[in-house]
Amino acid sequence: MIKSAFAVNAILGMAAVTILLRAAPFFCAPYLRRFKMVDKLGQFLPPAIMALLLIHTLKSNMMENSNGPWQELIAAAVAIVLQWRIRHPLISIAGATLLYIAFRNITIHF
């Protein structure tokens, strides 16, 4: 049986490491901005990661959905159009998510 003090210390240690790892980019940013490659990666990686996550999510959800890929594709298109027009990620994500939830909860067959 694990003793309570050991469990609490392990959880606190894991929490400290997690917080430090998440805070490290903010502390290191002033030093890393001196390098052009880091600046280029900062401009390229966020959209690339979002695109990969979108492709992976669309692929896995399309396989699960018996109605076909239309709900996912329409929600993704709405997110792209909202981001292109409004340029506010929170609104784009929320609008597309709400539309997708409505599609999945309301029985609309395309």
C-alpha atoms as a PDB file:
ATOM      1  CA  MET A   1       0.000   0.000   0.000  1.00  0.00           C
ATOM      2  CA  ILE A   2       1.283   3.460  -0.889  1.00  0.00           C
ATOM      3  CA  LYS A   3       1.620   5.838   2.034  1.00  0.00           C
ATOM      4  CA  SER A   4      -0.317   9.101   1.851  1.00  0.00           C
ATOM      5  CA  ALA A   5       2.761  11.299   2.250  1.00  0.00           C
ATOM      6  CA  PHE A   6       4.503   9.550  -0.663  1.00  0.00           C
ATOM      7  CA  ALA A   7       1.435   9.936  -2.900  1.00  0.00           C
ATOM      8  CA  VAL A   8       1.038  13.632  -2.041  1.00  0.00           C
ATOM      9  CA  ASN A   9       4.734  14.297  -2.651  1.00  0.00           C
ATOM     10  CA  ALA A  10       4.618  12.449  -5.979  1.00  0.00           C
ATOM     11  CA  ILE A  11       1.585  14.454  -7.113  1.00  0.00           C
ATOM     12  CA  LEU A  12       3.187  17.745  -6.016  1.00  0.00           C
ATOM     13  CA  GLY A  13       6.410  16.824  -7.830  1.00  0.00           C
ATOM     14  CA  MET A  14       4.539  15.979 -11.031  1.00  0.00           C
ATOM     15  CA  ALA A  15       2.555  19.219 -10.773  1.00  0.00           C
ATOM     16  CA  ALA A  16       5.759  21.252 -10.333  1.00  0.00           C
ATOM     17  CA  VAL A  17       7.419  19.633 -13.342  1.00  0.00           C
ATOM     18  CA  THR A  18       4.291  20.181 -15.456  1.00  0.00           C
ATOM     19  CA  ILE A  19       4.065  23.850 -14.486  1.00  0.00           C
ATOM     20  CA  LEU A  20       7.774  24.406 -15.168  1.00  0.00           C
ATOM     21  CA  LEU A  21       7.557  22.724 -18.580  1.00  0.00           C
ATOM     22  CA  ARG A  22       4.565  24.842 -19.556  1.00  0.00           C
ATOM     23  CA  ALA A  23       6.163  28.048 -18.293  1.00  0.00           C
ATOM     24  CA  ALA A  24       9.602  27.408 -19.830  1.00  0.00           C
ATOM     25  CA  PRO A  25       8.751  28.760 -23.318  1.00  0.00           C
ATOM     26  CA  PHE A  26       7.605  32.061 -21.802  1.00  0.00           C
ATOM     27  CA  PHE A  27      10.772  32.418 -19.734  1.00  0.00           C
ATOM     28  CA  CYS A  28      13.041  31.398 -22.617  1.00  0.00           C
ATOM     29  CA  ALA A  29      11.281  33.428 -25.339  1.00  0.00           C
ATOM     30  CA  PRO A  30      13.403  36.593 -24.982  1.00  0.00           C
ATOM     31  CA  TYR A  31      16.591  34.563 -25.404  1.00  0.00           C
ATOM     32  CA  LEU A  32      15.288  32.429 -28.254  1.00  0.00           C
ATOM     33  CA  ARG A  33      13.968  35.351 -30.322  1.00  0.00           C
ATOM     34  CA  ARG A  34      17.523  36.257 -31.195  1.00  0.00           C
ATOM     35  CA  PHE A  35      17.668  33.296 -33.576  1.00  0.00           C
ATOM     36  CA  LYS A  36      16.027  33.658 -36.990  1.00  0.00           C
ATOM     37  CA  MET A  37      15.210  29.952 -37.199  1.00  0.00           C
ATOM     38  CA  VAL A  38      13.180  30.095 -33.985  1.00  0.00           C
ATOM     39  CA  ASP A  39      11.268  33.077 -35.363  1.00  0.00           C
ATOM     40  CA  LYS A  40      10.512  31.211 -38.604  1.00  0.00           C
ATOM     41  CA  LEU A  41       9.415  28.129 -36.686  1.00  0.00           C
ATOM     42  CA  GLY A  42       7.160  30.315 -34.537  1.00  0.00           C
ATOM     43  CA  GLN A  43       5.402  31.536 -37.668  1.00  0.00           C
ATOM     44  CA  PHE A  44       5.212  28.160 -39.429  1.00  0.00           C
ATOM     45  CA  LEU A  45       4.546  25.573 -36.723  1.00  0.00           C
ATOM     46  CA  PRO A  46       1.228  26.763 -35.220  1.00  0.00           C
ATOM     47  CA  PRO A  47      -0.686  26.650 -38.538  1.00  0.00           C
ATOM     48  CA  ALA A  48       1.027  23.382 -39.487  1.00  0.00           C
ATOM     49  CA  ILE A  49       0.110  21.756 -36.177  1.00  0.00           C
ATOM     50  CA  MET A  50      -3.492  23.004 -36.459  1.00  0.00           C
ATOM     51  CA  ALA A  51      -3.730  21.591 -39.984  1.00  0.00           C
ATOM     52  CA  LEU A  52      -2.412  18.205 -38.857  1.00  0.00           C
ATOM     53  CA  LEU A  53      -4.825  18.103 -35.930  1.00  0.00           C
ATOM     54  CA  LEU A  54      -7.701  19.039 -38.230  1.00  0.00           C
ATOM     55  CA  ILE A  55      -6.823  16.328 -40.745  1.00  0.00           C
ATOM     56  CA  HIS A  56      -6.477  13.702 -38.027  1.00  0.00           C
ATOM     57  CA  THR A  57      -9.769  14.699 -36.380  1.00  0.00           C
ATOM     58  CA  LEU A  58     -11.651  14.783 -39.662  1.00  0.00           C
ATOM     59  CA  LYS A  59     -10.293  11.388 -40.668  1.00  0.00           C
ATOM     60  CA  SER A  60     -11.176   9.676 -37.392  1.00  0.00           C
ATOM     61  CA  ASN A  61     -14.613  11.299 -37.097  1.00  0.00           C
ATOM     62  CA  MET A  62     -15.513  10.565 -40.717  1.00  0.00           C
ATOM     63  CA  MET A  63     -14.882   6.881 -40.120  1.00  0.00           C
ATOM     64  CA  GLU A  64     -17.192   6.861 -37.071  1.00  0.00           C
ATOM     65  CA  ASN A  65     -20.030   8.858 -38.581  1.00  0.00           C
ATOM     66  CA  SER A  66     -22.615   6.811 -40.452  1.00  0.00           C
ATOM     67  CA  ASN A  67     -23.928   9.896 -42.296  1.00  0.00           C
ATOM     68  CA  GLY A  68     -20.710  10.317 -44.207  1.00  0.00           C
ATOM     69  CA  PRO A  69     -18.086  13.051 -44.054  1.00  0.00           C
ATOM     70  CA  TRP A  70     -20.397  15.997 -44.772  1.00  0.00           C
ATOM     71  CA  GLN A  71     -20.939  17.187 -41.218  1.00  0.00           C
ATOM     72  CA  GLU A  72     -17.220  17.340 -40.499  1.00  0.00           C
ATOM     73  CA  LEU A  73     -16.370  18.946 -43.817  1.00  0.00           C
ATOM     74  CA  ILE A  74     -19.046  21.642 -43.454  1.00  0.00           C
ATOM     75  CA  ALA A  75     -17.944  22.451 -39.873  1.00  0.00           C
ATOM     76  CA  ALA A  76     -14.300  22.624 -40.993  1.00  0.00           C
ATOM     77  CA  ALA A  77     -15.237  24.888 -43.910  1.00  0.00           C
ATOM     78  CA  VAL A  78     -17.163  27.169 -41.540  1.00  0.00           C
ATOM     79  CA  ALA A  79     -14.120  27.372 -39.244  1.00  0.00           C
ATOM     80  CA  ILE A  80     -11.876  28.258 -42.181  1.00  0.00           C
ATOM     81  CA  VAL A  81     -14.261  30.915 -43.520  1.00  0.00           C
ATOM     82  CA  LEU A  82     -14.803  32.452 -40.074  1.00  0.00           C
ATOM     83  CA  GLN A  83     -11.071  32.606 -39.441  1.00  0.00           C
ATOM     84  CA  TRP A  84     -10.421  34.069 -42.867  1.00  0.00           C
ATOM     85  CA  ARG A  85     -13.089  36.761 -42.467  1.00  0.00           C
ATOM     86  CA  ILE A  86     -13.006  37.562 -38.732  1.00  0.00           C
ATOM     87  CA  ARG A  87      -9.446  36.520 -37.797  1.00  0.00           C
ATOM     88  CA  HIS A  88     -10.433  35.608 -34.258  1.00  0.00           C
ATOM     89  CA  PRO A  89      -9.563  31.983 -33.414  1.00  0.00           C
ATOM     90  CA  LEU A  90     -11.965  31.700 -30.482  1.00  0.00           C
ATOM     91  CA  ILE A  91     -14.951  32.761 -32.587  1.00  0.00           C
ATOM     92  CA  SER A  92     -13.898  30.474 -35.440  1.00  0.00           C
ATOM     93  CA  ILE A  93     -13.488  27.464 -33.178  1.00  0.00           C
ATOM     94  CA  ALA A  94     -16.678  28.153 -31.216  1.00  0.00           C
ATOM     95  CA  GLY A  95     -18.782  28.721 -34.337  1.00  0.00           C
ATOM     96  CA  ALA A  96     -17.595  25.564 -36.067  1.00  0.00           C
ATOM     97  CA  THR A  97     -17.888  23.514 -32.880  1.00  0.00           C
ATOM     98  CA  LEU A  98     -21.442  24.663 -32.215  1.00  0.00           C
ATOM     99  CA  LEU A  99     -22.409  23.882 -35.797  1.00  0.00           C
ATOM    100  CA  TYR A 100     -20.829  20.434 -35.561  1.00  0.00           C
ATOM    101  CA  ILE A 101     -22.592  19.714 -32.261  1.00  0.00           C
ATOM    102  CA  ALA A 102     -25.878  20.757 -33.821  1.00  0.00           C
ATOM    103  CA  PHE A 103     -25.225  18.465 -36.802  1.00  0.00           C
ATOM    104  CA  ARG A 104     -24.409  15.501 -34.561  1.00  0.00           C
ATOM    105  CA  ASN A 105     -27.343  16.010 -32.180  1.00  0.00           C
ATOM    106  CA  ILE A 106     -29.990  16.859 -34.737  1.00  0.00           C
ATOM    107  CA  THR A 107     -30.711  14.022 -37.101  1.00  0.00           C
ATOM    108  CA  ILE A 108     -29.934  15.650 -40.415  1.00  0.00           C
ATOM    109  CA  HIS A 109     -29.041  13.219 -43.158  1.00  0.00           C
ATOM    110  CA  PHE A 110     -27.146  14.574 -46.122  1.00  0.00           C
END
